[in-house]
Amino acid sequence: MNPAMAARLYSTVQGNSMPAAPKPQAAAPTQGPGFAEILQSAVAQTADQTRTAEIQMAQNVQGQGNLIDVVTSISAAEASLETVLAVRDQVISAYKEIMAMPI
């Protein structure tokens, strides 16, 4: 307990009114993006990677693309899709647990 608070409490107990000391302002926590924004970003990234893979495949079919680029872009799109699906599964699981909780 700091001395100013102790003096204020003593004054209150004794019946004297002592002006309250100003409270120190707590630093506002910096807030990052919310869950919805993160989820939207992940879905948008997955869609972009899927489009890139489709473009790479189309170029390869036309004889303009490189097979290594096609395989790399497909792998990136697949990994991104698996991540989004894993997050979806966890959200559904959490929702089911919350709904099963007794009130």
PDB file of N, CA and C in Angstrom:
ATOM      1  N   MET A   1       0.857  -1.167   0.000  1.00  0.00           N
ATOM      2  CA  MET A   1       0.000   0.000   0.000  1.00  0.00           C
ATOM      3  C   MET A   1       0.901   1.228   0.000  1.00  0.00           C
ATOM      4  N   ASN A   2       0.596   2.172  -0.878  1.00  0.00           N
ATOM      5  CA  ASN A   2       1.427   3.368  -0.939  1.00  0.00           C
ATOM      6  C   ASN A   2       1.003   4.379   0.130  1.00  0.00           C
ATOM      7  N   PRO A   3       1.869   5.317   0.475  1.00  0.00           N
ATOM      8  CA  PRO A   3       1.573   6.274   1.554  1.00  0.00           C
ATOM      9  C   PRO A   3       0.338   7.147   1.293  1.00  0.00           C
ATOM     10  N   ALA A   4       0.099   7.534   0.057  1.00  0.00           N
ATOM     11  CA  ALA A   4      -1.054   8.385  -0.242  1.00  0.00           C
ATOM     12  C   ALA A   4      -2.351   7.633   0.026  1.00  0.00           C
ATOM     13  N   MET A   5      -2.383   6.354  -0.341  1.00  0.00           N
ATOM     14  CA  MET A   5      -3.581   5.562  -0.106  1.00  0.00           C
ATOM     15  C   MET A   5      -3.779   5.348   1.386  1.00  0.00           C
ATOM     16  N   ALA A   6      -2.705   5.104   2.106  1.00  0.00           N
ATOM     17  CA  ALA A   6      -2.803   4.907   3.550  1.00  0.00           C
ATOM     18  C   ALA A   6      -3.330   6.172   4.222  1.00  0.00           C
ATOM     19  N   ALA A   7      -2.841   7.346   3.805  1.00  0.00           N
ATOM     20  CA  ALA A   7      -3.304   8.615   4.381  1.00  0.00           C
ATOM     21  C   ALA A   7      -4.773   8.845   4.064  1.00  0.00           C
ATOM     22  N   ARG A   8      -5.189   8.520   2.851  1.00  0.00           N
ATOM     23  CA  ARG A   8      -6.585   8.701   2.460  1.00  0.00           C
ATOM     24  C   ARG A   8      -7.492   7.783   3.281  1.00  0.00           C
ATOM     25  N   LEU A   9      -7.083   6.517   3.477  1.00  0.00           N
ATOM     26  CA  LEU A   9      -7.869   5.593   4.285  1.00  0.00           C
ATOM     27  C   LEU A   9      -7.936   6.041   5.738  1.00  0.00           C
ATOM     28  N   TYR A  10      -6.826   6.513   6.284  1.00  0.00           N
ATOM     29  CA  TYR A  10      -6.799   7.001   7.664  1.00  0.00           C
ATOM     30  C   TYR A  10      -7.727   8.199   7.819  1.00  0.00           C
ATOM     31  N   SER A  11      -7.676   9.093   6.830  1.00  0.00           N
ATOM     32  CA  SER A  11      -8.534  10.267   6.866  1.00  0.00           C
ATOM     33  C   SER A  11     -10.007   9.872   6.797  1.00  0.00           C
ATOM     34  N   THR A  12     -10.333   8.881   5.979  1.00  0.00           N
ATOM     35  CA  THR A  12     -11.712   8.417   5.862  1.00  0.00           C
ATOM     36  C   THR A  12     -12.186   7.817   7.175  1.00  0.00           C
ATOM     37  N   VAL A  13     -11.333   7.034   7.812  1.00  0.00           N
ATOM     38  CA  VAL A  13     -11.700   6.411   9.078  1.00  0.00           C
ATOM     39  C   VAL A  13     -11.890   7.464  10.158  1.00  0.00           C
ATOM     40  N   GLN A  14     -11.095   8.511  10.155  1.00  0.00           N
ATOM     41  CA  GLN A  14     -11.173   9.564  11.158  1.00  0.00           C
ATOM     42  C   GLN A  14     -12.311  10.544  10.889  1.00  0.00           C
ATOM     43  N   GLY A  15     -12.933  10.441   9.696  1.00  0.00           N
ATOM     44  CA  GLY A  15     -14.063  11.313   9.388  1.00  0.00           C
ATOM     45  C   GLY A  15     -13.652  12.575   8.681  1.00  0.00           C
ATOM     46  N   ASN A  16     -12.416  12.740   8.409  1.00  0.00           N
ATOM     47  CA  ASN A  16     -11.956  13.912   7.656  1.00  0.00           C
ATOM     48  C   ASN A  16     -12.036  13.590   6.165  1.00  0.00           C
ATOM     49  N   SER A  17     -12.308  14.590   5.412  1.00  0.00           N
ATOM     50  CA  SER A  17     -12.325  14.348   3.969  1.00  0.00           C
ATOM     51  C   SER A  17     -11.022  14.845   3.382  1.00  0.00           C
ATOM     52  N   MET A  18     -10.365  13.983   2.699  1.00  0.00           N
ATOM     53  CA  MET A  18      -9.102  14.313   2.057  1.00  0.00           C
ATOM     54  C   MET A  18      -9.315  14.109   0.566  1.00  0.00           C
ATOM     55  N   PRO A  19      -8.880  15.041  -0.263  1.00  0.00           N
ATOM     56  CA  PRO A  19      -9.105  14.870  -1.697  1.00  0.00           C
ATOM     57  C   PRO A  19      -8.393  13.613  -2.200  1.00  0.00           C
ATOM     58  N   ALA A  20      -9.088  12.960  -3.077  1.00  0.00           N
ATOM     59  CA  ALA A  20      -8.532  11.723  -3.635  1.00  0.00           C
ATOM     60  C   ALA A  20      -7.387  12.031  -4.569  1.00  0.00           C
ATOM     61  N   ALA A  21      -6.352  11.242  -4.453  1.00  0.00           N
ATOM     62  CA  ALA A  21      -5.203  11.391  -5.347  1.00  0.00           C
ATOM     63  C   ALA A  21      -5.591  10.856  -6.722  1.00  0.00           C
ATOM     64  N   PRO A  22      -5.088  11.495  -7.747  1.00  0.00           N
ATOM     65  CA  PRO A  22      -5.431  11.005  -9.072  1.00  0.00           C
ATOM     66  C   PRO A  22      -4.865   9.600  -9.284  1.00  0.00           C
ATOM     67  N   LYS A  23      -5.679   8.772  -9.929  1.00  0.00           N
ATOM     68  CA  LYS A  23      -5.238   7.409 -10.202  1.00  0.00           C
ATOM     69  C   LYS A  23      -4.319   7.415 -11.412  1.00  0.00           C
ATOM     70  N   PRO A  24      -3.251   6.652 -11.334  1.00  0.00           N
ATOM     71  CA  PRO A  24      -2.377   6.592 -12.508  1.00  0.00           C
ATOM     72  C   PRO A  24      -3.092   5.885 -13.656  1.00  0.00           C
ATOM     73  N   GLN A  25      -2.922   6.430 -14.835  1.00  0.00           N
ATOM     74  CA  GLN A  25      -3.561   5.852 -16.005  1.00  0.00           C
ATOM     75  C   GLN A  25      -2.772   4.630 -16.451  1.00  0.00           C
ATOM     76  N   ALA A  26      -3.480   3.539 -16.590  1.00  0.00           N
ATOM     77  CA  ALA A  26      -2.850   2.322 -17.087  1.00  0.00           C
ATOM     78  C   ALA A  26      -2.689   2.455 -18.593  1.00  0.00           C
ATOM     79  N   ALA A  27      -1.599   1.967 -19.088  1.00  0.00           N
ATOM     80  CA  ALA A  27      -1.359   2.018 -20.522  1.00  0.00           C
ATOM     81  C   ALA A  27      -2.387   1.142 -21.226  1.00  0.00           C
ATOM     82  N   ALA A  28      -2.987   1.701 -22.232  1.00  0.00           N
ATOM     83  CA  ALA A  28      -3.992   0.931 -22.987  1.00  0.00           C
ATOM     84  C   ALA A  28      -3.290  -0.185 -23.735  1.00  0.00           C
ATOM     85  N   PRO A  29      -3.789  -1.403 -23.572  1.00  0.00           N
ATOM     86  CA  PRO A  29      -3.141  -2.498 -24.276  1.00  0.00           C
ATOM     87  C   PRO A  29      -3.355  -2.353 -25.782  1.00  0.00           C
ATOM     88  N   THR A  30      -2.313  -2.624 -26.512  1.00  0.00           N
ATOM     89  CA  THR A  30      -2.452  -2.564 -27.955  1.00  0.00           C
ATOM     90  C   THR A  30      -3.189  -3.813 -28.413  1.00  0.00           C
ATOM     91  N   GLN A  31      -4.228  -3.585 -29.140  1.00  0.00           N
ATOM     92  CA  GLN A  31      -5.037  -4.704 -29.587  1.00  0.00           C
ATOM     93  C   GLN A  31      -4.670  -5.042 -31.019  1.00  0.00           C
ATOM     94  N   GLY A  32      -4.449  -6.298 -31.228  1.00  0.00           N
ATOM     95  CA  GLY A  32      -4.180  -6.779 -32.566  1.00  0.00           C
ATOM     96  C   GLY A  32      -5.488  -7.116 -33.252  1.00  0.00           C
ATOM     97  N   PRO A  33      -5.387  -7.755 -34.378  1.00  0.00           N
ATOM     98  CA  PRO A  33      -6.623  -8.118 -35.078  1.00  0.00           C
ATOM     99  C   PRO A  33      -7.419  -9.140 -34.288  1.00  0.00           C
ATOM    100  N   GLY A  34      -8.704  -9.092 -34.415  1.00  0.00           N
ATOM    101  CA  GLY A  34      -9.578 -10.021 -33.720  1.00  0.00           C
ATOM    102  C   GLY A  34      -9.620 -11.363 -34.437  1.00  0.00           C
ATOM    103  N   PHE A  35     -10.323 -12.297 -33.833  1.00  0.00           N
ATOM    104  CA  PHE A  35     -10.411 -13.643 -34.394  1.00  0.00           C
ATOM    105  C   PHE A  35     -11.048 -13.618 -35.774  1.00  0.00           C
ATOM    106  N   ALA A  36     -12.085 -12.808 -35.945  1.00  0.00           N
ATOM    107  CA  ALA A  36     -12.773 -12.747 -37.238  1.00  0.00           C
ATOM    108  C   ALA A  36     -11.841 -12.243 -38.332  1.00  0.00           C
ATOM    109  N   GLU A  37     -11.043 -11.230 -38.017  1.00  0.00           N
ATOM    110  CA  GLU A  37     -10.122 -10.691 -39.015  1.00  0.00           C
ATOM    111  C   GLU A  37      -9.043 -11.709 -39.373  1.00  0.00           C
ATOM    112  N   ILE A  38      -8.558 -12.433 -38.382  1.00  0.00           N
ATOM    113  CA  ILE A  38      -7.546 -13.457 -38.647  1.00  0.00           C
ATOM    114  C   ILE A  38      -8.131 -14.557 -39.520  1.00  0.00           C
ATOM    115  N   LEU A  39      -9.355 -14.959 -39.204  1.00  0.00           N
ATOM    116  CA  LEU A  39     -10.008 -16.010 -39.979  1.00  0.00           C
ATOM    117  C   LEU A  39     -10.274 -15.547 -41.412  1.00  0.00           C
ATOM    118  N   GLN A  40     -10.731 -14.316 -41.576  1.00  0.00           N
ATOM    119  CA  GLN A  40     -10.968 -13.788 -42.920  1.00  0.00           C
ATOM    120  C   GLN A  40      -9.668 -13.722 -43.714  1.00  0.00           C
ATOM    121  N   SER A  41      -8.597 -13.335 -43.051  1.00  0.00           N
ATOM    122  CA  SER A  41      -7.299 -13.274 -43.710  1.00  0.00           C
ATOM    123  C   SER A  41      -6.836 -14.651 -44.156  1.00  0.00           C
ATOM    124  N   ALA A  42      -7.036 -15.650 -43.302  1.00  0.00           N
ATOM    125  CA  ALA A  42      -6.622 -17.019 -43.650  1.00  0.00           C
ATOM    126  C   ALA A  42      -7.434 -17.546 -44.834  1.00  0.00           C
ATOM    127  N   VAL A  43      -8.730 -17.280 -44.839  1.00  0.00           N
ATOM    128  CA  VAL A  43      -9.575 -17.738 -45.942  1.00  0.00           C
ATOM    129  C   VAL A  43      -9.191 -17.014 -47.235  1.00  0.00           C
ATOM    130  N   ALA A  44      -8.936 -15.718 -47.152  1.00  0.00           N
ATOM    131  CA  ALA A  44      -8.534 -14.962 -48.340  1.00  0.00           C
ATOM    132  C   ALA A  44      -7.190 -15.454 -48.870  1.00  0.00           C
ATOM    133  N   GLN A  45      -6.276 -15.757 -47.976  1.00  0.00           N
ATOM    134  CA  GLN A  45      -4.972 -16.273 -48.388  1.00  0.00           C
ATOM    135  C   GLN A  45      -5.122 -17.633 -49.059  1.00  0.00           C
ATOM    136  N   THR A  46      -5.994 -18.467 -48.517  1.00  0.00           N
ATOM    137  CA  THR A  46      -6.237 -19.779 -49.119  1.00  0.00           C
ATOM    138  C   THR A  46      -6.825 -19.617 -50.519  1.00  0.00           C
ATOM    139  N   ALA A  47      -7.763 -18.706 -50.675  1.00  0.00           N
ATOM    140  CA  ALA A  47      -8.363 -18.470 -51.991  1.00  0.00           C
ATOM    141  C   ALA A  47      -7.321 -17.952 -52.979  1.00  0.00           C
ATOM    142  N   ASP A  48      -6.450 -17.050 -52.538  1.00  0.00           N
ATOM    143  CA  ASP A  48      -5.397 -16.525 -53.411  1.00  0.00           C
ATOM    144  C   ASP A  48      -4.435 -17.629 -53.836  1.00  0.00           C
ATOM    145  N   GLN A  49      -4.062 -18.481 -52.896  1.00  0.00           N
ATOM    146  CA  GLN A  49      -3.135 -19.560 -53.235  1.00  0.00           C
ATOM    147  C   GLN A  49      -3.785 -20.567 -54.168  1.00  0.00           C
ATOM    148  N   THR A  50      -5.084 -20.801 -54.008  1.00  0.00           N
ATOM    149  CA  THR A  50      -5.796 -21.705 -54.913  1.00  0.00           C
ATOM    150  C   THR A  50      -5.848 -21.122 -56.322  1.00  0.00           C
ATOM    151  N   ARG A  51      -6.118 -19.813 -56.420  1.00  0.00           N
ATOM    152  CA  ARG A  51      -6.133 -19.159 -57.737  1.00  0.00           C
ATOM    153  C   ARG A  51      -4.755 -19.230 -58.396  1.00  0.00           C
ATOM    154  N   THR A  52      -3.724 -19.013 -57.595  1.00  0.00           N
ATOM    155  CA  THR A  52      -2.358 -19.081 -58.125  1.00  0.00           C
ATOM    156  C   THR A  52      -2.059 -20.478 -58.646  1.00  0.00           C
ATOM    157  N   ALA A  53      -2.478 -21.500 -57.909  1.00  0.00           N
ATOM    158  CA  ALA A  53      -2.261 -22.882 -58.355  1.00  0.00           C
ATOM    159  C   ALA A  53      -3.019 -23.151 -59.648  1.00  0.00           C
ATOM    160  N   GLU A  54      -4.246 -22.640 -59.754  1.00  0.00           N
ATOM    161  CA  GLU A  54      -5.024 -22.835 -60.977  1.00  0.00           C
ATOM    162  C   GLU A  54      -4.369 -22.150 -62.172  1.00  0.00           C
ATOM    163  N   ILE A  55      -3.847 -20.955 -61.953  1.00  0.00           N
ATOM    164  CA  ILE A  55      -3.162 -20.227 -63.029  1.00  0.00           C
ATOM    165  C   ILE A  55      -1.920 -20.996 -63.464  1.00  0.00           C
ATOM    166  N   GLN A  56      -1.156 -21.497 -62.490  1.00  0.00           N
ATOM    167  CA  GLN A  56       0.048 -22.264 -62.806  1.00  0.00           C
ATOM    168  C   GLN A  56      -0.301 -23.519 -63.604  1.00  0.00           C
ATOM    169  N   MET A  57      -1.381 -24.203 -63.207  1.00  0.00           N
ATOM    170  CA  MET A  57      -1.797 -25.412 -63.933  1.00  0.00           C
ATOM    171  C   MET A  57      -2.208 -25.072 -65.361  1.00  0.00           C
ATOM    172  N   ALA A  58      -2.964 -23.986 -65.533  1.00  0.00           N
ATOM    173  CA  ALA A  58      -3.406 -23.587 -66.867  1.00  0.00           C
ATOM    174  C   ALA A  58      -2.217 -23.235 -67.750  1.00  0.00           C
ATOM    175  N   GLN A  59      -1.231 -22.557 -67.191  1.00  0.00           N
ATOM    176  CA  GLN A  59      -0.041 -22.216 -67.970  1.00  0.00           C
ATOM    177  C   GLN A  59       0.745 -23.467 -68.349  1.00  0.00           C
ATOM    178  N   ASN A  60       0.792 -24.441 -67.441  1.00  0.00           N
ATOM    179  CA  ASN A  60       1.515 -25.676 -67.738  1.00  0.00           C
ATOM    180  C   ASN A  60       0.811 -26.457 -68.847  1.00  0.00           C
ATOM    181  N   VAL A  61      -0.534 -26.466 -68.819  1.00  0.00           N
ATOM    182  CA  VAL A  61      -1.290 -27.162 -69.861  1.00  0.00           C
ATOM    183  C   VAL A  61      -1.035 -26.518 -71.220  1.00  0.00           C
ATOM    184  N   GLN A  62      -0.880 -25.204 -71.242  1.00  0.00           N
ATOM    185  CA  GLN A  62      -0.623 -24.490 -72.485  1.00  0.00           C
ATOM    186  C   GLN A  62       0.842 -24.573 -72.908  1.00  0.00           C
ATOM    187  N   GLY A  63       1.657 -25.193 -72.059  1.00  0.00           N
ATOM    188  CA  GLY A  63       3.073 -25.351 -72.385  1.00  0.00           C
ATOM    189  C   GLY A  63       3.917 -24.150 -71.996  1.00  0.00           C
ATOM    190  N   GLN A  64       3.378 -23.241 -71.206  1.00  0.00           N
ATOM    191  CA  GLN A  64       4.099 -22.027 -70.835  1.00  0.00           C
ATOM    192  C   GLN A  64       4.680 -22.088 -69.427  1.00  0.00           C
ATOM    193  N   GLY A  65       4.142 -22.929 -68.591  1.00  0.00           N
ATOM    194  CA  GLY A  65       4.554 -22.950 -67.197  1.00  0.00           C
ATOM    195  C   GLY A  65       5.616 -23.991 -66.907  1.00  0.00           C
ATOM    196  N   ASN A  66       6.145 -23.925 -65.710  1.00  0.00           N
ATOM    197  CA  ASN A  66       7.149 -24.856 -65.241  1.00  0.00           C
ATOM    198  C   ASN A  66       6.469 -25.838 -64.290  1.00  0.00           C
ATOM    199  N   LEU A  67       6.756 -27.108 -64.422  1.00  0.00           N
ATOM    200  CA  LEU A  67       6.114 -28.129 -63.603  1.00  0.00           C
ATOM    201  C   LEU A  67       6.453 -27.953 -62.119  1.00  0.00           C
ATOM    202  N   ILE A  68       7.646 -27.506 -61.817  1.00  0.00           N
ATOM    203  CA  ILE A  68       8.047 -27.292 -60.415  1.00  0.00           C
ATOM    204  C   ILE A  68       7.203 -26.196 -59.789  1.00  0.00           C
ATOM    205  N   ASP A  69       6.920 -25.136 -60.553  1.00  0.00           N
ATOM    206  CA  ASP A  69       6.072 -24.058 -60.040  1.00  0.00           C
ATOM    207  C   ASP A  69       4.652 -24.553 -59.786  1.00  0.00           C
ATOM    208  N   VAL A  70       4.158 -25.433 -60.651  1.00  0.00           N
ATOM    209  CA  VAL A  70       2.815 -25.984 -60.485  1.00  0.00           C
ATOM    210  C   VAL A  70       2.746 -26.803 -59.200  1.00  0.00           C
ATOM    211  N   VAL A  71       3.710 -27.683 -59.017  1.00  0.00           N
ATOM    212  CA  VAL A  71       3.713 -28.539 -57.830  1.00  0.00           C
ATOM    213  C   VAL A  71       3.871 -27.701 -56.564  1.00  0.00           C
ATOM    214  N   THR A  72       4.719 -26.701 -56.590  1.00  0.00           N
ATOM    215  CA  THR A  72       4.921 -25.835 -55.426  1.00  0.00           C
ATOM    216  C   THR A  72       3.653 -25.072 -55.076  1.00  0.00           C
ATOM    217  N   SER A  73       2.987 -24.512 -56.079  1.00  0.00           N
ATOM    218  CA  SER A  73       1.773 -23.736 -55.806  1.00  0.00           C
ATOM    219  C   SER A  73       0.632 -24.637 -55.340  1.00  0.00           C
ATOM    220  N   ILE A  74       0.554 -25.838 -55.871  1.00  0.00           N
ATOM    221  CA  ILE A  74      -0.483 -26.770 -55.411  1.00  0.00           C
ATOM    222  C   ILE A  74      -0.216 -27.180 -53.970  1.00  0.00           C
ATOM    223  N   SER A  75       1.027 -27.425 -53.629  1.00  0.00           N
ATOM    224  CA  SER A  75       1.373 -27.794 -52.245  1.00  0.00           C
ATOM    225  C   SER A  75       1.059 -26.668 -51.275  1.00  0.00           C
ATOM    226  N   ALA A  76       1.360 -25.430 -51.678  1.00  0.00           N
ATOM    227  CA  ALA A  76       1.058 -24.286 -50.810  1.00  0.00           C
ATOM    228  C   ALA A  76      -0.448 -24.140 -50.620  1.00  0.00           C
ATOM    229  N   ALA A  77      -1.204 -24.300 -51.702  1.00  0.00           N
ATOM    230  CA  ALA A  77      -2.665 -24.194 -51.601  1.00  0.00           C
ATOM    231  C   ALA A  77      -3.224 -25.307 -50.724  1.00  0.00           C
ATOM    232  N   GLU A  78      -2.685 -26.503 -50.867  1.00  0.00           N
ATOM    233  CA  GLU A  78      -3.160 -27.628 -50.064  1.00  0.00           C
ATOM    234  C   GLU A  78      -2.869 -27.412 -48.580  1.00  0.00           C
ATOM    235  N   ALA A  79      -1.673 -26.936 -48.262  1.00  0.00           N
ATOM    236  CA  ALA A  79      -1.315 -26.685 -46.858  1.00  0.00           C
ATOM    237  C   ALA A  79      -2.196 -25.599 -46.256  1.00  0.00           C
ATOM    238  N   SER A  80      -2.461 -24.560 -47.026  1.00  0.00           N
ATOM    239  CA  SER A  80      -3.316 -23.480 -46.548  1.00  0.00           C
ATOM    240  C   SER A  80      -4.737 -23.968 -46.321  1.00  0.00           C
ATOM    241  N   LEU A  81      -5.241 -24.785 -47.233  1.00  0.00           N
ATOM    242  CA  LEU A  81      -6.596 -25.327 -47.085  1.00  0.00           C
ATOM    243  C   LEU A  81      -6.687 -26.239 -45.868  1.00  0.00           C
ATOM    244  N   GLU A  82      -5.681 -27.056 -45.650  1.00  0.00           N
ATOM    245  CA  GLU A  82      -5.676 -27.939 -44.486  1.00  0.00           C
ATOM    246  C   GLU A  82      -5.654 -27.134 -43.187  1.00  0.00           C
ATOM    247  N   THR A  83      -4.936 -26.012 -43.184  1.00  0.00           N
ATOM    248  CA  THR A  83      -4.907 -25.153 -41.995  1.00  0.00           C
ATOM    249  C   THR A  83      -6.278 -24.571 -41.713  1.00  0.00           C
ATOM    250  N   VAL A  84      -6.936 -24.059 -42.748  1.00  0.00           N
ATOM    251  CA  VAL A  84      -8.274 -23.481 -42.569  1.00  0.00           C
ATOM    252  C   VAL A  84      -9.260 -24.558 -42.100  1.00  0.00           C
ATOM    253  N   LEU A  85      -9.164 -25.752 -42.659  1.00  0.00           N
ATOM    254  CA  LEU A  85     -10.056 -26.833 -42.236  1.00  0.00           C
ATOM    255  C   LEU A  85      -9.794 -27.246 -40.796  1.00  0.00           C
ATOM    256  N   ALA A  86      -8.536 -27.249 -40.385  1.00  0.00           N
ATOM    257  CA  ALA A  86      -8.213 -27.593 -38.994  1.00  0.00           C
ATOM    258  C   ALA A  86      -8.780 -26.545 -38.035  1.00  0.00           C
ATOM    259  N   VAL A  87      -8.677 -25.275 -38.401  1.00  0.00           N
ATOM    260  CA  VAL A  87      -9.246 -24.211 -37.563  1.00  0.00           C
ATOM    261  C   VAL A  87     -10.757 -24.357 -37.502  1.00  0.00           C
ATOM    262  N   ARG A  88     -11.373 -24.628 -38.637  1.00  0.00           N
ATOM    263  CA  ARG A  88     -12.827 -24.836 -38.663  1.00  0.00           C
ATOM    264  C   ARG A  88     -13.235 -25.973 -37.743  1.00  0.00           C
ATOM    265  N   ASP A  89     -12.498 -27.083 -37.812  1.00  0.00           N
ATOM    266  CA  ASP A  89     -12.820 -28.233 -36.967  1.00  0.00           C
ATOM    267  C   ASP A  89     -12.688 -27.888 -35.481  1.00  0.00           C
ATOM    268  N   GLN A  90     -11.674 -27.106 -35.133  1.00  0.00           N
ATOM    269  CA  GLN A  90     -11.494 -26.709 -33.737  1.00  0.00           C
ATOM    270  C   GLN A  90     -12.611 -25.778 -33.275  1.00  0.00           C
ATOM    271  N   VAL A  91     -13.041 -24.873 -34.150  1.00  0.00           N
ATOM    272  CA  VAL A  91     -14.137 -23.963 -33.801  1.00  0.00           C
ATOM    273  C   VAL A  91     -15.422 -24.752 -33.583  1.00  0.00           C
ATOM    274  N   ILE A  92     -15.685 -25.707 -34.455  1.00  0.00           N
ATOM    275  CA  ILE A  92     -16.884 -26.530 -34.300  1.00  0.00           C
ATOM    276  C   ILE A  92     -16.811 -27.342 -33.016  1.00  0.00           C
ATOM    277  N   SER A  93     -15.649 -27.892 -32.721  1.00  0.00           N
ATOM    278  CA  SER A  93     -15.475 -28.668 -31.495  1.00  0.00           C
ATOM    279  C   SER A  93     -15.691 -27.797 -30.258  1.00  0.00           C
ATOM    280  N   ALA A  94     -15.140 -26.585 -30.272  1.00  0.00           N
ATOM    281  CA  ALA A  94     -15.328 -25.668 -29.141  1.00  0.00           C
ATOM    282  C   ALA A  94     -16.798 -25.286 -28.990  1.00  0.00           C
ATOM    283  N   TYR A  95     -17.477 -25.055 -30.100  1.00  0.00           N
ATOM    284  CA  TYR A  95     -18.901 -24.723 -30.059  1.00  0.00           C
ATOM    285  C   TYR A  95     -19.697 -25.866 -29.441  1.00  0.00           C
ATOM    286  N   LYS A  96     -19.381 -27.093 -29.844  1.00  0.00           N
ATOM    287  CA  LYS A  96     -20.102 -28.237 -29.299  1.00  0.00           C
ATOM    288  C   LYS A  96     -19.853 -28.381 -27.796  1.00  0.00           C
ATOM    289  N   GLU A  97     -18.624 -28.127 -27.364  1.00  0.00           N
ATOM    290  CA  GLU A  97     -18.324 -28.203 -25.922  1.00  0.00           C
ATOM    291  C   GLU A  97     -19.094 -27.129 -25.146  1.00  0.00           C
ATOM    292  N   ILE A  98     -19.159 -25.945 -25.706  1.00  0.00           N
ATOM    293  CA  ILE A  98     -19.884 -24.858 -25.037  1.00  0.00           C
ATOM    294  C   ILE A  98     -21.371 -25.195 -24.950  1.00  0.00           C
ATOM    295  N   MET A  99     -21.919 -25.740 -26.017  1.00  0.00           N
ATOM    296  CA  MET A  99     -23.343 -26.081 -26.024  1.00  0.00           C
ATOM    297  C   MET A  99     -23.649 -27.238 -25.064  1.00  0.00           C
ATOM    298  N   ALA A 100     -22.677 -28.077 -24.778  1.00  0.00           N
ATOM    299  CA  ALA A 100     -22.885 -29.210 -23.878  1.00  0.00           C
ATOM    300  C   ALA A 100     -22.730 -28.816 -22.406  1.00  0.00           C
ATOM    301  N   MET A 101     -22.255 -27.612 -22.139  1.00  0.00           N
ATOM    302  CA  MET A 101     -22.062 -27.173 -20.752  1.00  0.00           C
ATOM    303  C   MET A 101     -23.416 -26.968 -20.064  1.00  0.00           C
ATOM    304  N   PRO A 102     -23.505 -27.386 -18.816  1.00  0.00           N
ATOM    305  CA  PRO A 102     -24.756 -27.146 -18.083  1.00  0.00           C
ATOM    306  C   PRO A 102     -24.899 -25.667 -17.738  1.00  0.00           C
ATOM    307  N   ILE A 103     -26.105 -25.218 -17.683  1.00  0.00           N
ATOM    308  CA  ILE A 103     -26.364 -23.811 -17.351  1.00  0.00           C
ATOM    309  C   ILE A 103     -26.546 -23.661 -15.864  1.00  0.00           C
TER     310      ILE A 103
END
